[in-house]
Amino acid sequence: MGVIGYAHPHVLNYVPIIANHPRINFSGIFGGDINVELAKSDARRFKVKYYKDIEECLSSEEIEAIYIGSETNRHLEIVELATQYRKHILCDKPISITLKEADKIINMTRSAKVKLMVPFNPRFMIPLMKAKKDIEENKIGELVYIYTISEYGKNPSLIKGFDTNWLFDPQKSGGGGFADTAPHGIDSLRWLANSEVKSVYADIGNKIFPNLGVDDIGTVIIEFKNGIIGVLGAGWANPESYPTWLDIRYEILGTEGFIDISKPYHDLAVYGKEKMVREYWWRNDVRMILDEFIDCIFEDRDPIITGEDARASLEIILAAYNSSKNGKVIRLPVTNTA
């Protein structure tokens, strides 16, 4: 397996787990144009080849699958090249900037008969997996509302030693804080509701960090075709003093019960004289994502999260931006895919 691009902060989580996964032969890194020295350092650290040329990397017979951690606006060109060499693709979110690009990515991978998966972590968080099972087994009756913060994070510029400037350029990222953080939660709402979306109404803007140049937070109300209502808040909301980087919560209301998920990961809080530090001591979602990606390749089946799922998440996000800009409810499907 190879890693293509070192732009997305998620590479900081994925690369060590790829390198140490017992079922993966980590074979190379192409760093791209961002965080190149870190990419080279990780190649030395994990004793894999560092590629200066992307085509040399993708043409390697040692690499059968790739994780794409590049800027969002580069996903299409990387997928186009990867499919020429029949590489299976784990592409970080969002799948692309436009629906037209998403359609091209899906069609190219289908035509090349390679697997395409986008890693939406909430589907692999143990409390949410349990909630999904409880919903399916009717333990809380008929599902009515889902309220979620998924996710609030810190301003990515606070990541020390990692260049995140591209996330503040909508031409490269597709938006700001909402576009960066909402894809996970949007997908989880579709998954939990087990329905496609009928309409969205949103408020998205630059409300926390002055003169940011892009939005930093947003809230969207989603009406599903089966009548369930979802409310999602996402963005770069957490101050630098917040004890953890991410804040993810779910409140799931049914006619006969209620599920409250305030901590999707097991954590440890240490209280000192002047401050409290919280650390996650068991986070298994990235490992489980990689397990699913490997399994779908060997079992020759679609992954749990498909390119079509990623496209649906993007469509809802784009509709939310449209709603916020125009101050009106947007009905899906979106007809303009440009």
Protein backbone atom coordinates (compact mmCIF):
# COMPACT_ATOMS: atom_id res chain seq x y z
CA MET A 1 0.00 0.00 0.00
CA GLY A 2 1.18 3.51 -0.75
CA VAL A 3 0.32 6.99 0.51
CA ILE A 4 -0.31 9.75 -2.01
CA GLY A 5 -0.16 13.30 -0.68
CA TYR A 6 0.67 14.76 2.74
CA ALA A 7 -1.69 17.73 2.73
CA HIS A 8 -4.59 16.39 4.81
CA PRO A 9 -4.04 16.34 8.60
CA HIS A 10 -5.53 12.84 8.65
CA VAL A 11 -2.23 11.47 7.31
CA LEU A 12 -0.92 11.99 10.86
CA ASN A 13 -3.36 9.29 11.99
CA TYR A 14 -3.36 7.02 8.96
CA VAL A 15 0.32 6.65 8.14
CA PRO A 16 1.45 5.12 11.48
CA ILE A 17 -1.47 2.69 11.44
CA ILE A 18 -0.85 1.73 7.80
CA ALA A 19 2.82 1.21 8.65
CA ASN A 20 2.06 -1.06 11.60
CA HIS A 21 -0.96 -2.90 10.23
CA PRO A 22 -0.24 -6.66 10.14
CA ARG A 23 -2.13 -7.12 6.86
CA ILE A 24 -0.54 -4.22 4.99
CA ASN A 25 2.83 -4.12 3.27
CA PHE A 26 3.56 -0.39 3.43
CA SER A 27 5.59 0.25 0.28
CA GLY A 28 5.97 3.95 -0.39
CA ILE A 29 5.06 7.62 0.03
CA PHE A 30 4.57 10.33 -2.55
CA GLY A 31 4.45 13.56 -0.59
CA GLY A 32 3.26 15.97 -3.25
CA ASP A 33 3.95 19.66 -2.75
CA ILE A 34 2.82 20.14 0.86
CA ASN A 35 4.55 18.94 4.05
CA VAL A 36 7.24 17.34 1.89
CA GLU A 37 9.88 17.22 4.63
CA LEU A 38 7.46 15.47 6.98
CA ALA A 39 6.61 12.97 4.24
CA LYS A 40 10.32 12.28 3.68
CA SER A 41 10.87 11.96 7.43
CA ASP A 42 8.03 9.44 7.72
CA ALA A 43 9.44 7.46 4.79
CA ARG A 44 12.73 7.17 6.70
CA ARG A 45 10.92 6.46 9.96
CA PHE A 46 8.88 3.59 8.52
CA LYS A 47 11.64 2.42 6.16
CA VAL A 48 9.69 2.80 2.93
CA LYS A 49 10.63 4.40 -0.37
CA TYR A 50 9.96 8.09 -0.87
CA TYR A 51 8.82 8.87 -4.40
CA LYS A 52 9.45 12.25 -6.00
CA ASP A 53 7.29 11.30 -8.98
CA ILE A 54 3.66 10.27 -8.53
CA GLU A 55 3.56 8.11 -11.65
CA GLU A 56 6.63 6.18 -10.54
CA CYS A 57 4.87 5.51 -7.25
CA LEU A 58 1.59 4.42 -8.82
CA SER A 59 3.30 2.23 -11.40
CA SER A 60 5.13 0.25 -8.73
CA GLU A 61 4.09 -3.41 -8.66
CA GLU A 62 4.61 -3.41 -4.89
CA ILE A 63 1.73 -0.98 -4.45
CA GLU A 64 -1.73 -2.45 -5.04
CA ALA A 65 -3.74 0.14 -3.13
CA ILE A 66 -3.34 3.76 -2.05
CA TYR A 67 -4.53 6.18 0.60
CA ILE A 68 -5.04 9.68 -0.83
CA GLY A 69 -4.26 12.47 1.64
CA SER A 70 -3.87 15.31 -0.86
CA GLU A 71 -5.75 18.58 -1.22
CA THR A 72 -9.37 17.96 -2.24
CA ASN A 73 -9.01 19.68 -5.61
CA ARG A 74 -6.35 17.12 -6.58
CA HIS A 75 -8.44 14.02 -5.89
CA LEU A 76 -9.76 13.72 -9.44
CA GLU A 77 -6.37 13.87 -11.15
CA ILE A 78 -4.87 11.39 -8.68
CA VAL A 79 -7.77 8.95 -9.08
CA GLU A 80 -7.53 9.27 -12.87
CA LEU A 81 -3.88 8.28 -12.76
CA ALA A 82 -4.35 5.60 -10.10
CA THR A 83 -7.09 3.86 -12.05
CA GLN A 84 -4.82 3.66 -15.09
CA TYR A 85 -2.56 1.47 -12.96
CA ARG A 86 -5.51 -0.44 -11.42
CA LYS A 87 -4.88 0.69 -7.84
CA HIS A 88 -7.58 0.35 -5.18
CA ILE A 89 -8.32 3.71 -3.56
CA LEU A 90 -9.01 4.89 -0.02
CA CYS A 91 -9.65 8.60 -0.61
CA ASP A 92 -10.02 11.01 2.27
CA LYS A 93 -13.07 13.24 2.50
CA PRO A 94 -14.66 15.07 0.85
CA ILE A 95 -14.54 12.99 -2.30
CA SER A 96 -14.21 16.11 -4.47
CA ILE A 97 -15.17 19.77 -4.73
CA THR A 98 -18.04 19.33 -7.22
CA LEU A 99 -20.61 16.65 -7.96
CA LYS A 100 -19.40 16.49 -11.55
CA GLU A 101 -15.93 15.57 -10.30
CA ALA A 102 -17.42 13.04 -7.88
CA ASP A 103 -19.30 11.38 -10.73
CA LYS A 104 -16.10 11.14 -12.77
CA ILE A 105 -14.23 9.58 -9.83
CA ILE A 106 -16.98 7.00 -9.28
CA ASN A 107 -17.22 6.16 -12.98
CA MET A 108 -13.46 5.82 -13.41
CA THR A 109 -13.10 3.44 -10.46
CA ARG A 110 -16.11 1.37 -11.58
CA SER A 111 -14.74 1.15 -15.15
CA ALA A 112 -11.29 0.13 -13.88
CA LYS A 113 -12.87 -2.44 -11.55
CA VAL A 114 -10.99 -1.12 -8.52
CA LYS A 115 -12.38 -0.46 -5.06
CA LEU A 116 -13.15 3.09 -3.95
CA MET A 117 -13.79 3.86 -0.29
CA VAL A 118 -14.05 7.18 1.55
CA PRO A 119 -13.30 6.88 5.29
CA PHE A 120 -16.22 8.34 7.26
CA ASN A 121 -15.06 7.51 10.79
CA PRO A 122 -18.37 7.65 12.72
CA ARG A 123 -19.52 4.40 11.09
CA PHE A 124 -16.58 2.73 12.84
CA MET A 125 -17.00 4.32 16.28
CA ILE A 126 -18.13 1.60 18.67
CA PRO A 127 -20.87 3.62 20.45
CA LEU A 128 -22.41 4.63 17.11
CA MET A 129 -22.19 1.07 15.81
CA LYS A 130 -24.13 -0.01 18.90
CA ALA A 131 -26.66 2.81 18.38
CA LYS A 132 -27.20 1.73 14.77
CA LYS A 133 -27.86 -1.84 15.94
CA ASP A 134 -30.30 -0.63 18.61
CA ILE A 135 -32.17 1.45 16.04
CA GLU A 136 -32.40 -1.51 13.64
CA GLU A 137 -33.67 -3.72 16.48
CA ASN A 138 -36.34 -1.12 17.33
CA LYS A 139 -35.05 -0.69 20.88
CA ILE A 140 -35.97 3.00 20.94
CA GLY A 141 -39.08 2.67 18.82
CA GLU A 142 -39.53 4.70 15.67
CA LEU A 143 -36.66 7.10 15.03
CA VAL A 144 -37.75 10.75 15.16
CA TYR A 145 -34.80 13.16 15.62
CA ILE A 146 -31.02 12.97 15.48
CA TYR A 147 -29.04 15.86 16.95
CA THR A 148 -25.29 15.79 16.45
CA ILE A 149 -22.16 17.83 16.83
CA SER A 150 -20.05 15.99 14.29
CA GLU A 151 -17.67 17.44 14.51
CA TYR A 152 -16.34 20.51 16.32
CA GLY A 153 -12.58 20.76 15.96
CA LYS A 154 -9.87 23.30 16.53
CA ASN A 155 -8.64 25.71 13.89
CA PRO A 156 -6.27 23.56 11.77
CA SER A 157 -3.69 26.34 11.73
CA LEU A 158 -2.96 25.29 15.33
CA ILE A 159 -1.42 21.99 14.19
CA LYS A 160 2.25 22.51 14.93
CA GLY A 161 4.72 21.63 12.19
CA PHE A 162 2.03 20.85 9.62
CA ASP A 163 1.07 23.16 6.75
CA THR A 164 -2.73 23.45 6.52
CA ASN A 165 -2.95 26.68 4.51
CA TRP A 166 -4.79 24.95 1.65
CA LEU A 167 -7.76 24.30 3.96
CA PHE A 168 -8.36 28.06 3.98
CA ASP A 169 -8.53 28.23 0.17
CA PRO A 170 -11.99 27.15 -1.10
CA GLN A 171 -10.54 26.54 -4.57
CA LYS A 172 -8.44 23.74 -3.04
CA SER A 173 -10.64 22.58 -0.15
CA GLY A 174 -14.17 23.25 -1.38
CA GLY A 175 -15.08 25.50 1.56
CA GLY A 176 -14.01 26.30 5.09
CA GLY A 177 -14.56 24.78 8.51
CA PHE A 178 -17.98 23.36 7.66
CA ALA A 179 -16.78 21.63 4.48
CA ASP A 180 -13.79 20.26 6.38
CA THR A 181 -15.64 18.79 9.36
CA ALA A 182 -19.24 18.10 8.26
CA PRO A 183 -18.73 15.18 5.81
CA HIS A 184 -18.34 12.63 8.63
CA GLY A 185 -21.48 13.74 10.43
CA ILE A 186 -23.54 14.09 7.25
CA ASP A 187 -22.74 10.52 6.29
CA SER A 188 -23.55 9.28 9.79
CA LEU A 189 -26.98 10.94 9.66
CA ARG A 190 -27.80 9.21 6.34
CA TRP A 191 -26.57 5.94 7.81
CA LEU A 192 -28.51 6.21 11.06
CA ALA A 193 -31.69 7.49 9.38
CA ASN A 194 -31.40 4.85 6.65
CA SER A 195 -32.87 7.33 4.19
CA GLU A 196 -31.93 9.80 1.51
CA VAL A 197 -32.40 13.52 2.04
CA LYS A 198 -35.46 15.49 1.01
CA SER A 199 -34.35 19.03 1.92
CA VAL A 200 -31.81 21.07 3.88
CA TYR A 201 -31.74 24.47 5.55
CA ALA A 202 -28.45 25.84 6.84
CA ASP A 203 -26.58 28.74 8.39
CA ILE A 204 -22.84 28.73 7.65
CA GLY A 205 -20.36 31.56 8.14
CA ASN A 206 -17.25 33.09 9.63
CA LYS A 207 -18.49 33.57 13.18
CA ILE A 208 -15.63 32.67 15.53
CA PHE A 209 -12.23 33.59 14.09
CA PRO A 210 -12.23 37.18 12.73
CA ASN A 211 -11.09 37.79 9.15
CA LEU A 212 -10.53 34.10 8.49
CA GLY A 213 -11.48 34.44 4.81
CA VAL A 214 -13.64 31.30 4.89
CA ASP A 215 -16.45 29.97 7.05
CA ASP A 216 -15.47 28.42 10.35
CA ILE A 217 -18.78 26.92 11.55
CA GLY A 218 -22.23 25.93 10.38
CA THR A 219 -25.51 24.32 11.39
CA VAL A 220 -27.82 22.41 9.06
CA ILE A 221 -31.33 21.02 9.49
CA ILE A 222 -31.92 17.97 7.31
CA GLU A 223 -35.31 16.51 6.43
CA PHE A 224 -35.09 12.90 5.30
CA LYS A 225 -37.53 11.29 2.89
CA ASN A 226 -38.75 8.93 5.62
CA GLY A 227 -39.70 11.88 7.86
CA ILE A 228 -36.73 11.78 10.26
CA ILE A 229 -35.16 15.15 11.10
CA GLY A 230 -31.42 15.57 11.60
CA VAL A 231 -29.70 18.62 13.06
CA LEU A 232 -25.94 18.89 12.65
CA GLY A 233 -23.38 21.39 13.89
CA ALA A 234 -19.85 21.26 12.47
CA GLY A 235 -16.81 23.48 12.17
CA TRP A 236 -13.66 24.79 13.74
CA ALA A 237 -15.42 25.67 16.98
CA ASN A 238 -13.14 24.49 19.76
CA PRO A 239 -10.81 27.09 21.31
CA GLU A 240 -7.11 26.36 21.70
CA SER A 241 -7.65 25.70 25.41
CA TYR A 242 -10.14 22.89 24.75
CA PRO A 243 -8.75 19.64 26.25
CA THR A 244 -9.20 17.57 23.08
CA TRP A 245 -8.93 18.36 19.40
CA LEU A 246 -12.35 16.97 18.46
CA ASP A 247 -15.79 17.13 20.04
CA ILE A 248 -18.35 14.61 18.72
CA ARG A 249 -21.78 14.05 20.28
CA TYR A 250 -25.06 12.42 19.31
CA GLU A 251 -28.55 12.56 20.79
CA ILE A 252 -30.87 10.10 19.06
CA LEU A 253 -34.58 10.32 19.90
CA GLY A 254 -37.12 7.58 19.21
CA THR A 255 -40.78 7.18 20.15
CA GLU A 256 -39.87 4.74 22.93
CA GLY A 257 -36.36 5.68 23.96
CA PHE A 258 -33.33 7.93 23.70
CA ILE A 259 -29.65 7.29 22.94
CA ASP A 260 -27.07 9.74 24.29
CA ILE A 261 -23.50 9.51 22.96
CA SER A 262 -21.29 12.16 24.52
CA LYS A 263 -17.94 10.42 24.00
CA PRO A 264 -17.38 8.31 20.89
CA TYR A 265 -13.93 7.28 22.15
CA HIS A 266 -12.72 5.94 25.49
CA ASP A 267 -10.71 8.65 27.17
CA LEU A 268 -8.62 9.42 30.21
CA ALA A 269 -8.83 12.79 32.01
CA VAL A 270 -5.86 13.91 34.09
CA TYR A 271 -6.45 16.90 36.39
CA GLY A 272 -3.37 18.89 37.41
CA LYS A 273 -3.11 21.97 39.60
CA GLU A 274 -3.53 24.37 36.70
CA LYS A 275 -5.06 22.43 33.84
CA MET A 276 -6.82 19.26 32.78
CA VAL A 277 -5.57 17.05 29.95
CA ARG A 278 -7.78 14.45 28.26
CA GLU A 279 -6.25 11.71 26.15
CA TYR A 280 -7.89 9.02 24.05
CA TRP A 281 -6.54 5.67 25.21
CA TRP A 282 -8.51 3.46 22.83
CA ARG A 283 -9.38 4.73 19.39
CA ASN A 284 -9.93 1.89 16.96
CA ASP A 285 -11.85 3.54 14.11
CA VAL A 286 -8.91 4.12 11.74
CA ARG A 287 -7.73 0.52 12.17
CA MET A 288 -11.29 -0.70 11.50
CA ILE A 289 -11.53 1.47 8.36
CA LEU A 290 -8.34 -0.08 7.03
CA ASP A 291 -9.61 -3.57 7.91
CA GLU A 292 -12.79 -2.92 5.90
CA PHE A 293 -10.81 -1.54 2.97
CA ILE A 294 -8.59 -4.63 2.92
CA ASP A 295 -11.55 -6.99 3.30
CA CYS A 296 -13.51 -5.48 0.41
CA ILE A 297 -10.49 -5.94 -1.86
CA PHE A 298 -9.89 -9.58 -0.93
CA GLU A 299 -13.60 -10.42 -0.89
CA ASP A 300 -14.15 -8.53 -4.16
CA ARG A 301 -17.18 -6.59 -2.95
CA ASP A 302 -18.19 -2.98 -2.46
CA PRO A 303 -16.91 -1.40 0.76
CA ILE A 304 -19.35 -0.44 3.50
CA ILE A 305 -18.86 3.19 2.43
CA THR A 306 -18.94 3.58 -1.35
CA GLY A 307 -18.17 6.40 -3.72
CA GLU A 308 -21.91 6.91 -4.06
CA ASP A 309 -22.14 7.45 -0.29
CA ALA A 310 -19.38 10.03 -0.50
CA ARG A 311 -21.16 11.76 -3.38
CA ALA A 312 -24.38 11.90 -1.34
CA SER A 313 -22.51 13.52 1.56
CA LEU A 314 -21.00 16.10 -0.79
CA GLU A 315 -24.39 16.84 -2.36
CA ILE A 316 -25.85 17.63 1.07
CA ILE A 317 -22.89 19.84 1.98
CA LEU A 318 -23.15 21.79 -1.27
CA ALA A 319 -26.91 22.18 -0.74
CA ALA A 320 -26.21 23.47 2.78
CA TYR A 321 -23.85 26.13 1.45
CA ASN A 322 -26.46 27.08 -1.15
CA SER A 323 -29.14 27.33 1.53
CA SER A 324 -26.98 29.51 3.76
CA LYS A 325 -26.04 31.81 0.89
CA ASN A 326 -29.62 32.29 -0.31
CA GLY A 327 -31.48 31.96 3.00
CA LYS A 328 -33.89 29.32 1.78
CA VAL A 329 -34.66 25.62 1.95
CA ILE A 330 -32.90 23.59 -0.75
CA ARG A 331 -34.54 20.44 -2.03
CA LEU A 332 -32.56 17.47 -3.23
CA PRO A 333 -31.44 16.08 -5.57
CA VAL A 334 -29.33 19.00 -6.75
CA THR A 335 -29.80 19.47 -10.49
CA ASN A 336 -26.66 21.55 -11.14
CA THR A 337 -23.67 19.23 -10.69
CA ALA A 338 -20.96 21.68 -11.82
